[in-house]
Amino acid sequence: MGLFDDLSRFLEDRLEEFLRNNPELELEMLLEQLREQEEDTLKLIADLQLKQKRSQDKILSTAQEIQGWHIRIQKAKAARREDLAAPAQAREDLLLREGNQQWGQMQGLKERITQCQELLRKIQQRRQEVQAKAAEAQTARAKAQTQQLLETNTWQSPPSSHSSKLDDLEEQFRRWETQDELEKMKQNLGKQFN
């Protein structure tokens, strides 16, 4: 297993290095993860809502049964048939307990649906933030390419090496700042899902 772990670690390191050098790909990967999480959350909400509907139907059915047994109890008591009234009362009590359990389960489903809807809202908000960052990165890249084209096709004298060094420094800082922002977004995203 040591060789497999070493190989796995090596590949992960290379992937991280590649993504650091290509931040737009990292944003795309993050967007894809968020799309998948959004899709999974939507499926979970639909499943929970279906379970909630079934739970409500079960509660209504139990309530109708309780109502039927209650009428029987009253009939048996009116006819002074305690031999029927007592077991009917026990049946009604059993159904009431079942109904209470079903109600509790339905309330639990409602809470889970609410939590999933909140999670979905956060995922969608995060996805919008990442899309905005991706758009910013694309715009910056387009500007840089345009600037580079202008510099190479200019009729003026080529920029001095001093100016070129400043542009390189500017680019390095932009990459570093973008990478720092991405790391913060990843951390925030990780915190929200834990």
N, C-alpha and C. Protein backbone atom coordinates (compact mmCIF):
# COMPACT_ATOMS: atom_id res chain seq x y z
N MET A 1 0.81 -1.20 0.00
CA MET A 1 0.00 0.00 0.00
C MET A 1 0.85 1.26 0.00
N GLY A 2 2.08 1.20 0.49
CA GLY A 2 2.93 2.37 0.55
C GLY A 2 3.19 2.97 -0.82
N LEU A 3 3.44 2.11 -1.82
CA LEU A 3 3.70 2.59 -3.17
C LEU A 3 2.45 3.26 -3.73
N PHE A 4 1.29 2.64 -3.51
CA PHE A 4 0.04 3.22 -3.99
C PHE A 4 -0.21 4.58 -3.32
N ASP A 5 0.01 4.67 -2.02
CA ASP A 5 -0.17 5.94 -1.30
C ASP A 5 0.78 7.00 -1.83
N ASP A 6 2.04 6.62 -2.07
CA ASP A 6 3.02 7.56 -2.60
C ASP A 6 2.61 8.05 -3.98
N LEU A 7 2.17 7.14 -4.83
CA LEU A 7 1.75 7.50 -6.17
C LEU A 7 0.52 8.42 -6.11
N SER A 8 -0.40 8.07 -5.25
CA SER A 8 -1.62 8.88 -5.09
C SER A 8 -1.27 10.28 -4.62
N ARG A 9 -0.39 10.39 -3.63
CA ARG A 9 0.04 11.69 -3.11
C ARG A 9 0.75 12.49 -4.19
N PHE A 10 1.61 11.81 -4.96
CA PHE A 10 2.34 12.47 -6.05
C PHE A 10 1.36 13.05 -7.08
N LEU A 11 0.37 12.25 -7.48
CA LEU A 11 -0.61 12.71 -8.47
C LEU A 11 -1.44 13.87 -7.92
N GLU A 12 -1.83 13.79 -6.66
CA GLU A 12 -2.59 14.89 -6.05
C GLU A 12 -1.76 16.17 -6.02
N ASP A 13 -0.49 16.04 -5.68
CA ASP A 13 0.39 17.22 -5.66
C ASP A 13 0.52 17.83 -7.05
N ARG A 14 0.68 16.98 -8.06
CA ARG A 14 0.80 17.48 -9.43
C ARG A 14 -0.49 18.17 -9.87
N LEU A 15 -1.63 17.57 -9.50
CA LEU A 15 -2.92 18.17 -9.86
C LEU A 15 -3.07 19.53 -9.20
N GLU A 16 -2.73 19.62 -7.92
CA GLU A 16 -2.82 20.90 -7.21
C GLU A 16 -1.90 21.94 -7.84
N GLU A 17 -0.69 21.52 -8.21
CA GLU A 17 0.26 22.44 -8.84
C GLU A 17 -0.27 22.91 -10.19
N PHE A 18 -0.82 21.97 -10.96
CA PHE A 18 -1.39 22.33 -12.27
C PHE A 18 -2.53 23.32 -12.10
N LEU A 19 -3.41 23.09 -11.12
CA LEU A 19 -4.54 23.98 -10.89
C LEU A 19 -4.08 25.35 -10.40
N ARG A 20 -3.02 25.37 -9.60
CA ARG A 20 -2.49 26.66 -9.14
C ARG A 20 -1.97 27.47 -10.33
N ASN A 21 -1.38 26.77 -11.28
CA ASN A 21 -0.84 27.45 -12.45
C ASN A 21 -1.93 27.81 -13.47
N ASN A 22 -3.09 27.20 -13.33
CA ASN A 22 -4.21 27.46 -14.24
C ASN A 22 -5.47 27.73 -13.41
N PRO A 23 -5.56 28.90 -12.81
CA PRO A 23 -6.67 29.18 -11.88
C PRO A 23 -8.05 29.11 -12.54
N GLU A 24 -8.12 29.38 -13.84
CA GLU A 24 -9.43 29.31 -14.49
C GLU A 24 -9.96 27.87 -14.49
N LEU A 25 -9.05 26.89 -14.59
CA LEU A 25 -9.47 25.49 -14.53
C LEU A 25 -9.93 25.12 -13.13
N GLU A 26 -9.27 25.69 -12.14
CA GLU A 26 -9.67 25.44 -10.76
C GLU A 26 -11.08 25.98 -10.51
N LEU A 27 -11.37 27.16 -11.06
CA LEU A 27 -12.71 27.72 -10.92
C LEU A 27 -13.74 26.84 -11.62
N GLU A 28 -13.39 26.34 -12.79
CA GLU A 28 -14.31 25.45 -13.51
C GLU A 28 -14.57 24.18 -12.72
N MET A 29 -13.52 23.63 -12.11
CA MET A 29 -13.66 22.42 -11.31
C MET A 29 -14.57 22.70 -10.10
N LEU A 30 -14.37 23.84 -9.47
CA LEU A 30 -15.18 24.22 -8.33
C LEU A 30 -16.64 24.41 -8.76
N LEU A 31 -16.85 25.03 -9.91
CA LEU A 31 -18.21 25.20 -10.43
C LEU A 31 -18.88 23.85 -10.68
N GLU A 32 -18.13 22.92 -11.22
CA GLU A 32 -18.70 21.59 -11.49
C GLU A 32 -19.08 20.89 -10.19
N GLN A 33 -18.23 21.01 -9.17
CA GLN A 33 -18.56 20.42 -7.86
C GLN A 33 -19.83 21.05 -7.30
N LEU A 34 -19.96 22.35 -7.43
CA LEU A 34 -21.15 23.04 -6.92
C LEU A 34 -22.39 22.63 -7.71
N ARG A 35 -22.26 22.44 -9.02
CA ARG A 35 -23.40 21.98 -9.82
C ARG A 35 -23.86 20.60 -9.35
N GLU A 36 -22.89 19.72 -9.10
CA GLU A 36 -23.22 18.37 -8.64
C GLU A 36 -23.88 18.41 -7.26
N GLN A 37 -23.36 19.25 -6.37
CA GLN A 37 -23.96 19.36 -5.05
C GLN A 37 -25.38 19.92 -5.13
N GLU A 38 -25.58 20.87 -6.02
CA GLU A 38 -26.91 21.45 -6.20
C GLU A 38 -27.88 20.38 -6.71
N GLU A 39 -27.42 19.61 -7.69
CA GLU A 39 -28.26 18.54 -8.25
C GLU A 39 -28.60 17.50 -7.19
N ASP A 40 -27.60 17.08 -6.42
CA ASP A 40 -27.83 16.09 -5.35
C ASP A 40 -28.80 16.63 -4.30
N THR A 41 -28.66 17.89 -3.96
CA THR A 41 -29.54 18.49 -2.95
C THR A 41 -30.97 18.58 -3.48
N LEU A 42 -31.14 18.93 -4.75
CA LEU A 42 -32.48 18.98 -5.34
C LEU A 42 -33.13 17.59 -5.33
N LYS A 43 -32.34 16.56 -5.64
CA LYS A 43 -32.87 15.19 -5.60
C LYS A 43 -33.27 14.81 -4.18
N LEU A 44 -32.44 15.18 -3.22
CA LEU A 44 -32.74 14.87 -1.82
C LEU A 44 -34.02 15.57 -1.37
N ILE A 45 -34.18 16.82 -1.74
CA ILE A 45 -35.40 17.57 -1.38
C ILE A 45 -36.63 16.89 -1.99
N ALA A 46 -36.54 16.50 -3.25
CA ALA A 46 -37.67 15.84 -3.91
C ALA A 46 -38.01 14.53 -3.20
N ASP A 47 -36.98 13.77 -2.83
CA ASP A 47 -37.20 12.51 -2.12
C ASP A 47 -37.85 12.75 -0.76
N LEU A 48 -37.36 13.74 -0.03
CA LEU A 48 -37.93 14.05 1.28
C LEU A 48 -39.37 14.54 1.16
N GLN A 49 -39.66 15.33 0.13
CA GLN A 49 -41.03 15.81 -0.06
C GLN A 49 -41.98 14.65 -0.37
N LEU A 50 -41.50 13.68 -1.13
CA LEU A 50 -42.30 12.48 -1.42
C LEU A 50 -42.57 11.70 -0.13
N LYS A 51 -41.54 11.54 0.68
CA LYS A 51 -41.72 10.86 1.97
C LYS A 51 -42.68 11.63 2.87
N GLN A 52 -42.60 12.95 2.84
CA GLN A 52 -43.50 13.78 3.64
C GLN A 52 -44.95 13.57 3.20
N LYS A 53 -45.17 13.51 1.89
CA LYS A 53 -46.51 13.30 1.35
C LYS A 53 -47.05 11.95 1.80
N ARG A 54 -46.22 10.92 1.72
CA ARG A 54 -46.63 9.58 2.17
C ARG A 54 -46.94 9.59 3.66
N SER A 55 -46.12 10.30 4.41
CA SER A 55 -46.33 10.40 5.86
C SER A 55 -47.66 11.09 6.16
N GLN A 56 -47.96 12.16 5.45
CA GLN A 56 -49.23 12.86 5.64
C GLN A 56 -50.42 11.94 5.32
N ASP A 57 -50.30 11.17 4.23
CA ASP A 57 -51.37 10.24 3.87
C ASP A 57 -51.58 9.19 4.96
N LYS A 58 -50.46 8.71 5.51
CA LYS A 58 -50.53 7.71 6.58
C LYS A 58 -51.20 8.30 7.82
N ILE A 59 -50.86 9.54 8.14
CA ILE A 59 -51.46 10.21 9.31
C ILE A 59 -52.97 10.37 9.10
N LEU A 60 -53.38 10.78 7.91
CA LEU A 60 -54.81 10.92 7.62
C LEU A 60 -55.53 9.59 7.74
N SER A 61 -54.92 8.54 7.24
CA SER A 61 -55.51 7.21 7.33
C SER A 61 -55.65 6.77 8.79
N THR A 62 -54.63 7.01 9.58
CA THR A 62 -54.66 6.67 11.01
C THR A 62 -55.73 7.49 11.72
N ALA A 63 -55.84 8.77 11.37
CA ALA A 63 -56.87 9.63 12.00
C ALA A 63 -58.27 9.11 11.68
N GLN A 64 -58.48 8.66 10.44
CA GLN A 64 -59.79 8.12 10.08
C GLN A 64 -60.09 6.84 10.86
N GLU A 65 -59.05 6.01 11.03
CA GLU A 65 -59.22 4.79 11.82
C GLU A 65 -59.57 5.12 13.27
N ILE A 66 -58.87 6.10 13.83
CA ILE A 66 -59.14 6.52 15.21
C ILE A 66 -60.58 7.00 15.33
N GLN A 67 -61.02 7.78 14.37
CA GLN A 67 -62.39 8.30 14.39
C GLN A 67 -63.40 7.14 14.35
N GLY A 68 -63.14 6.15 13.52
CA GLY A 68 -64.03 4.98 13.43
C GLY A 68 -64.10 4.22 14.74
N TRP A 69 -62.95 4.00 15.37
CA TRP A 69 -62.93 3.28 16.64
C TRP A 69 -63.58 4.12 17.75
N HIS A 70 -63.45 5.40 17.69
CA HIS A 70 -64.07 6.27 18.70
C HIS A 70 -65.60 6.14 18.63
N ILE A 71 -66.13 6.12 17.43
CA ILE A 71 -67.58 5.95 17.25
C ILE A 71 -68.01 4.59 17.80
N ARG A 72 -67.23 3.53 17.52
CA ARG A 72 -67.55 2.19 18.03
C ARG A 72 -67.54 2.15 19.56
N ILE A 73 -66.54 2.84 20.14
CA ILE A 73 -66.46 2.88 21.62
C ILE A 73 -67.73 3.49 22.18
N GLN A 74 -68.14 4.61 21.59
CA GLN A 74 -69.34 5.28 22.09
C GLN A 74 -70.58 4.41 21.93
N LYS A 75 -70.68 3.71 20.80
CA LYS A 75 -71.83 2.81 20.58
C LYS A 75 -71.84 1.70 21.62
N ALA A 76 -70.63 1.12 21.84
CA ALA A 76 -70.55 0.01 22.81
C ALA A 76 -70.90 0.48 24.21
N LYS A 77 -70.44 1.68 24.60
CA LYS A 77 -70.76 2.22 25.93
C LYS A 77 -72.24 2.53 26.04
N ALA A 78 -72.84 3.06 24.97
CA ALA A 78 -74.27 3.38 24.99
C ALA A 78 -75.09 2.10 25.13
N ALA A 79 -74.60 1.01 24.56
CA ALA A 79 -75.31 -0.26 24.65
C ALA A 79 -74.90 -1.04 25.90
N ARG A 80 -74.05 -0.44 26.73
CA ARG A 80 -73.53 -1.05 27.95
C ARG A 80 -72.80 -2.37 27.65
N ARG A 81 -72.00 -2.31 26.58
CA ARG A 81 -71.21 -3.48 26.19
C ARG A 81 -69.74 -3.22 26.51
N GLU A 82 -69.42 -3.31 27.80
CA GLU A 82 -68.04 -3.07 28.24
C GLU A 82 -67.08 -4.11 27.68
N ASP A 83 -67.60 -5.30 27.38
CA ASP A 83 -66.75 -6.34 26.80
C ASP A 83 -66.23 -5.92 25.42
N LEU A 84 -66.96 -5.03 24.73
CA LEU A 84 -66.50 -4.49 23.45
C LEU A 84 -65.84 -3.11 23.61
N ALA A 85 -66.36 -2.32 24.55
CA ALA A 85 -65.86 -0.95 24.72
C ALA A 85 -64.40 -0.93 25.18
N ALA A 86 -64.03 -1.79 26.13
CA ALA A 86 -62.67 -1.79 26.67
C ALA A 86 -61.63 -2.16 25.60
N PRO A 87 -61.82 -3.24 24.82
CA PRO A 87 -60.83 -3.56 23.79
C PRO A 87 -60.80 -2.49 22.68
N ALA A 88 -61.97 -1.90 22.38
CA ALA A 88 -62.01 -0.84 21.37
C ALA A 88 -61.24 0.38 21.85
N GLN A 89 -61.35 0.67 23.15
CA GLN A 89 -60.60 1.79 23.73
C GLN A 89 -59.09 1.52 23.64
N ALA A 90 -58.70 0.26 23.90
CA ALA A 90 -57.28 -0.11 23.81
C ALA A 90 -56.78 0.06 22.36
N ARG A 91 -57.62 -0.32 21.39
CA ARG A 91 -57.26 -0.17 19.98
C ARG A 91 -57.11 1.30 19.63
N GLU A 92 -58.04 2.14 20.10
CA GLU A 92 -57.97 3.58 19.84
C GLU A 92 -56.70 4.17 20.43
N ASP A 93 -56.37 3.75 21.67
CA ASP A 93 -55.15 4.25 22.32
C ASP A 93 -53.90 3.86 21.52
N LEU A 94 -53.87 2.62 21.02
CA LEU A 94 -52.74 2.16 20.21
C LEU A 94 -52.62 3.00 18.94
N LEU A 95 -53.75 3.27 18.30
CA LEU A 95 -53.73 4.08 17.09
C LEU A 95 -53.30 5.52 17.37
N LEU A 96 -53.70 6.05 18.53
CA LEU A 96 -53.27 7.40 18.91
C LEU A 96 -51.75 7.47 19.07
N ARG A 97 -51.17 6.44 19.69
CA ARG A 97 -49.70 6.41 19.85
C ARG A 97 -49.02 6.32 18.47
N GLU A 98 -49.56 5.46 17.61
CA GLU A 98 -49.00 5.35 16.26
C GLU A 98 -49.10 6.69 15.53
N GLY A 99 -50.24 7.35 15.67
CA GLY A 99 -50.44 8.65 15.02
C GLY A 99 -49.44 9.68 15.53
N ASN A 100 -49.18 9.66 16.84
CA ASN A 100 -48.19 10.59 17.40
C ASN A 100 -46.80 10.32 16.86
N GLN A 101 -46.45 9.03 16.72
CA GLN A 101 -45.14 8.68 16.16
C GLN A 101 -45.05 9.15 14.70
N GLN A 102 -46.12 8.91 13.96
CA GLN A 102 -46.14 9.33 12.56
C GLN A 102 -46.02 10.85 12.45
N TRP A 103 -46.69 11.56 13.35
CA TRP A 103 -46.61 13.01 13.34
C TRP A 103 -45.18 13.48 13.60
N GLY A 104 -44.54 12.85 14.58
CA GLY A 104 -43.14 13.19 14.89
C GLY A 104 -42.23 12.94 13.71
N GLN A 105 -42.45 11.82 13.01
CA GLN A 105 -41.63 11.51 11.83
C GLN A 105 -41.85 12.55 10.73
N MET A 106 -43.11 12.97 10.56
CA MET A 106 -43.41 13.97 9.53
C MET A 106 -42.75 15.31 9.89
N GLN A 107 -42.77 15.67 11.16
CA GLN A 107 -42.12 16.91 11.59
C GLN A 107 -40.61 16.84 11.33
N GLY A 108 -40.02 15.67 11.58
CA GLY A 108 -38.59 15.48 11.30
C GLY A 108 -38.30 15.66 9.81
N LEU A 109 -39.19 15.12 8.96
CA LEU A 109 -39.02 15.29 7.51
C LEU A 109 -39.12 16.76 7.13
N LYS A 110 -40.07 17.48 7.73
CA LYS A 110 -40.21 18.91 7.42
C LYS A 110 -38.94 19.67 7.78
N GLU A 111 -38.37 19.34 8.94
CA GLU A 111 -37.12 20.01 9.36
C GLU A 111 -35.99 19.72 8.39
N ARG A 112 -35.88 18.45 7.96
CA ARG A 112 -34.82 18.08 7.02
C ARG A 112 -35.02 18.80 5.68
N ILE A 113 -36.26 18.93 5.25
CA ILE A 113 -36.53 19.64 3.99
C ILE A 113 -36.10 21.10 4.12
N THR A 114 -36.44 21.71 5.25
CA THR A 114 -36.05 23.11 5.49
C THR A 114 -34.52 23.25 5.48
N GLN A 115 -33.83 22.32 6.14
CA GLN A 115 -32.37 22.37 6.17
C GLN A 115 -31.78 22.20 4.76
N CYS A 116 -32.35 21.28 4.00
CA CYS A 116 -31.86 21.05 2.63
C CYS A 116 -32.13 22.27 1.75
N GLN A 117 -33.26 22.91 1.94
CA GLN A 117 -33.55 24.11 1.16
C GLN A 117 -32.58 25.23 1.50
N GLU A 118 -32.21 25.34 2.76
CA GLU A 118 -31.22 26.34 3.17
C GLU A 118 -29.85 26.01 2.57
N LEU A 119 -29.50 24.73 2.60
CA LEU A 119 -28.24 24.28 2.00
C LEU A 119 -28.24 24.59 0.51
N LEU A 120 -29.35 24.32 -0.16
CA LEU A 120 -29.47 24.60 -1.59
C LEU A 120 -29.27 26.09 -1.86
N ARG A 121 -29.87 26.92 -1.04
CA ARG A 121 -29.72 28.37 -1.20
C ARG A 121 -28.25 28.76 -1.08
N LYS A 122 -27.54 28.19 -0.10
CA LYS A 122 -26.12 28.50 0.10
C LYS A 122 -25.28 28.02 -1.09
N ILE A 123 -25.60 26.82 -1.58
CA ILE A 123 -24.86 26.28 -2.73
C ILE A 123 -25.05 27.19 -3.94
N GLN A 124 -26.30 27.60 -4.17
CA GLN A 124 -26.59 28.46 -5.32
C GLN A 124 -25.88 29.81 -5.18
N GLN A 125 -25.88 30.34 -3.97
CA GLN A 125 -25.19 31.61 -3.72
C GLN A 125 -23.69 31.46 -3.98
N ARG A 126 -23.11 30.38 -3.49
CA ARG A 126 -21.68 30.14 -3.68
C ARG A 126 -21.37 29.95 -5.16
N ARG A 127 -22.25 29.26 -5.87
CA ARG A 127 -22.04 29.04 -7.30
C ARG A 127 -22.05 30.37 -8.05
N GLN A 128 -22.94 31.27 -7.66
CA GLN A 128 -22.98 32.59 -8.29
C GLN A 128 -21.68 33.36 -8.02
N GLU A 129 -21.18 33.24 -6.79
CA GLU A 129 -19.92 33.91 -6.45
C GLU A 129 -18.77 33.38 -7.29
N VAL A 130 -18.72 32.05 -7.42
CA VAL A 130 -17.64 31.43 -8.20
C VAL A 130 -17.78 31.80 -9.68
N GLN A 131 -19.02 31.84 -10.19
CA GLN A 131 -19.23 32.24 -11.57
C GLN A 131 -18.76 33.67 -11.80
N ALA A 132 -19.02 34.54 -10.82
CA ALA A 132 -18.56 35.93 -10.93
C ALA A 132 -17.04 35.97 -10.96
N LYS A 133 -16.40 35.18 -10.09
CA LYS A 133 -14.93 35.13 -10.08
C LYS A 133 -14.40 34.61 -11.41
N ALA A 134 -15.07 33.58 -11.94
CA ALA A 134 -14.64 33.02 -13.23
C ALA A 134 -14.78 34.07 -14.33
N ALA A 135 -15.86 34.82 -14.29
CA ALA A 135 -16.06 35.88 -15.29
C ALA A 135 -14.98 36.95 -15.15
N GLU A 136 -14.65 37.31 -13.90
CA GLU A 136 -13.58 38.29 -13.66
C GLU A 136 -12.26 37.78 -14.21
N ALA A 137 -11.98 36.50 -13.93
CA ALA A 137 -10.71 35.92 -14.39
C ALA A 137 -10.67 35.89 -15.92
N GLN A 138 -11.79 35.57 -16.53
CA GLN A 138 -11.84 35.53 -18.00
C GLN A 138 -11.66 36.93 -18.57
N THR A 139 -12.30 37.92 -17.95
CA THR A 139 -12.14 39.30 -18.41
C THR A 139 -10.69 39.76 -18.26
N ALA A 140 -10.10 39.44 -17.12
CA ALA A 140 -8.70 39.83 -16.89
C ALA A 140 -7.78 39.15 -17.90
N ARG A 141 -8.06 37.88 -18.18
CA ARG A 141 -7.24 37.15 -19.14
C ARG A 141 -7.39 37.78 -20.54
N ALA A 142 -8.63 38.13 -20.91
CA ALA A 142 -8.87 38.75 -22.22
C ALA A 142 -8.15 40.09 -22.31
N LYS A 143 -8.22 40.88 -21.23
CA LYS A 143 -7.53 42.17 -21.21
C LYS A 143 -6.02 41.98 -21.36
N ALA A 144 -5.51 40.98 -20.64
CA ALA A 144 -4.07 40.72 -20.70
C ALA A 144 -3.66 40.30 -22.11
N GLN A 145 -4.50 39.47 -22.74
CA GLN A 145 -4.19 39.04 -24.11
C GLN A 145 -4.26 40.23 -25.07
N THR A 146 -5.26 41.07 -24.90
CA THR A 146 -5.40 42.26 -25.74
C THR A 146 -4.20 43.17 -25.54
N GLN A 147 -3.81 43.38 -24.30
CA GLN A 147 -2.66 44.22 -24.00
C GLN A 147 -1.40 43.65 -24.62
N GLN A 148 -1.28 42.33 -24.54
CA GLN A 148 -0.10 41.69 -25.10
C GLN A 148 -0.08 41.86 -26.62
N LEU A 149 -1.24 41.73 -27.24
CA LEU A 149 -1.32 41.93 -28.69
C LEU A 149 -0.96 43.36 -29.06
N LEU A 150 -1.47 44.31 -28.29
CA LEU A 150 -1.16 45.72 -28.55
C LEU A 150 0.32 45.98 -28.42
N GLU A 151 0.93 45.39 -27.41
CA GLU A 151 2.36 45.62 -27.19
C GLU A 151 3.20 45.01 -28.29
N THR A 152 2.79 43.85 -28.78
CA THR A 152 3.59 43.20 -29.82
C THR A 152 3.37 43.83 -31.20
N ASN A 153 2.19 44.43 -31.40
CA ASN A 153 1.87 45.02 -32.71
C ASN A 153 2.01 46.53 -32.71
N THR A 154 2.57 47.09 -31.72
CA THR A 154 2.65 48.55 -31.63
C THR A 154 3.71 49.10 -32.57
N TRP A 155 3.48 50.34 -33.00
CA TRP A 155 4.43 51.02 -33.87
C TRP A 155 5.47 51.76 -33.05
N GLN A 156 5.19 51.81 -31.76
CA GLN A 156 6.11 52.52 -30.88
C GLN A 156 7.29 51.62 -30.57
N SER A 157 8.22 52.21 -29.86
CA SER A 157 9.40 51.43 -29.47
C SER A 157 8.98 50.38 -28.44
N PRO A 158 9.66 49.27 -28.43
CA PRO A 158 9.30 48.22 -27.46
C PRO A 158 9.49 48.73 -26.03
N PRO A 159 8.70 48.24 -25.12
CA PRO A 159 8.83 48.70 -23.74
C PRO A 159 10.21 48.35 -23.18
N SER A 160 10.66 49.18 -22.30
CA SER A 160 11.97 48.94 -21.70
C SER A 160 11.89 47.71 -20.80
N SER A 161 13.05 47.14 -20.50
CA SER A 161 13.07 45.95 -19.64
C SER A 161 12.54 46.30 -18.25
N HIS A 162 12.72 47.54 -17.81
CA HIS A 162 12.22 47.97 -16.51
C HIS A 162 10.69 47.89 -16.49
N SER A 163 10.06 48.39 -17.56
CA SER A 163 8.60 48.36 -17.67
C SER A 163 8.10 46.91 -17.74
N SER A 164 8.82 46.09 -18.49
CA SER A 164 8.44 44.68 -18.62
C SER A 164 8.49 43.96 -17.28
N LYS A 165 9.50 44.27 -16.48
CA LYS A 165 9.61 43.65 -15.15
C LYS A 165 8.45 44.07 -14.27
N LEU A 166 8.03 45.32 -14.38
CA LEU A 166 6.89 45.78 -13.58
C LEU A 166 5.61 45.05 -13.99
N ASP A 167 5.43 44.85 -15.31
CA ASP A 167 4.24 44.13 -15.79
C ASP A 167 4.26 42.69 -15.30
N ASP A 168 5.42 42.04 -15.31
CA ASP A 168 5.54 40.68 -14.80
C ASP A 168 5.20 40.64 -13.32
N LEU A 169 5.68 41.60 -12.58
CA LEU A 169 5.38 41.67 -11.15
C LEU A 169 3.89 41.85 -10.92
N GLU A 170 3.28 42.72 -11.72
CA GLU A 170 1.83 42.94 -11.63
C GLU A 170 1.08 41.63 -11.87
N GLU A 171 1.50 40.89 -12.88
CA GLU A 171 0.85 39.62 -13.22
C GLU A 171 1.03 38.61 -12.10
N GLN A 172 2.23 38.55 -11.54
CA GLN A 172 2.47 37.62 -10.43
C GLN A 172 1.58 37.94 -9.24
N PHE A 173 1.43 39.23 -8.93
CA PHE A 173 0.57 39.61 -7.81
C PHE A 173 -0.90 39.27 -8.10
N ARG A 174 -1.33 39.50 -9.31
CA ARG A 174 -2.72 39.17 -9.67
C ARG A 174 -2.99 37.68 -9.50
N ARG A 175 -2.06 36.88 -9.98
CA ARG A 175 -2.22 35.42 -9.82
C ARG A 175 -2.26 35.03 -8.35
N TRP A 176 -1.33 35.60 -7.58
CA TRP A 176 -1.27 35.29 -6.15
C TRP A 176 -2.56 35.71 -5.45
N GLU A 177 -3.05 36.90 -5.75
CA GLU A 177 -4.28 37.39 -5.12
C GLU A 177 -5.48 36.55 -5.52
N THR A 178 -5.54 36.15 -6.79
CA THR A 178 -6.64 35.29 -7.25
C THR A 178 -6.57 33.94 -6.56
N GLN A 179 -5.39 33.37 -6.45
CA GLN A 179 -5.21 32.08 -5.77
C GLN A 179 -5.62 32.20 -4.30
N ASP A 180 -5.24 33.30 -3.67
CA ASP A 180 -5.59 33.52 -2.27
C ASP A 180 -7.10 33.59 -2.11
N GLU A 181 -7.78 34.28 -3.01
CA GLU A 181 -9.25 34.38 -2.99
C GLU A 181 -9.88 33.01 -3.14
N LEU A 182 -9.33 32.22 -4.07
CA LEU A 182 -9.85 30.87 -4.29
C LEU A 182 -9.71 30.01 -3.04
N GLU A 183 -8.57 30.09 -2.41
CA GLU A 183 -8.36 29.31 -1.18
C GLU A 183 -9.36 29.70 -0.11
N LYS A 184 -9.62 31.01 0.02
CA LYS A 184 -10.60 31.48 1.01
C LYS A 184 -11.98 30.97 0.67
N MET A 185 -12.34 30.99 -0.62
CA MET A 185 -13.65 30.50 -1.04
C MET A 185 -13.79 29.01 -0.75
N LYS A 186 -12.71 28.25 -1.02
CA LYS A 186 -12.73 26.81 -0.75
C LYS A 186 -12.95 26.55 0.75
N GLN A 187 -12.22 27.31 1.57
CA GLN A 187 -12.34 27.14 3.02
C GLN A 187 -13.75 27.47 3.47
N ASN A 188 -14.31 28.57 2.97
CA ASN A 188 -15.67 28.95 3.33
C ASN A 188 -16.66 27.89 2.88
N LEU A 189 -16.45 27.36 1.69
CA LEU A 189 -17.33 26.34 1.16
C LEU A 189 -17.23 25.08 2.01
N GLY A 190 -16.01 24.72 2.38
CA GLY A 190 -15.81 23.56 3.24
C GLY A 190 -16.51 23.72 4.58
N LYS A 191 -16.44 24.91 5.15
CA LYS A 191 -17.08 25.18 6.45
C LYS A 191 -18.59 25.06 6.34
N GLN A 192 -19.14 25.51 5.23
CA GLN A 192 -20.60 25.49 5.07
C GLN A 192 -21.14 24.08 4.93
N PHE A 193 -20.36 23.15 4.40
CA PHE A 193 -20.86 21.80 4.18
C PHE A 193 -20.50 20.87 5.33
N ASN A 194 -19.75 21.37 6.29
CA ASN A 194 -19.43 20.53 7.45
C ASN A 194 -20.32 20.85 8.61
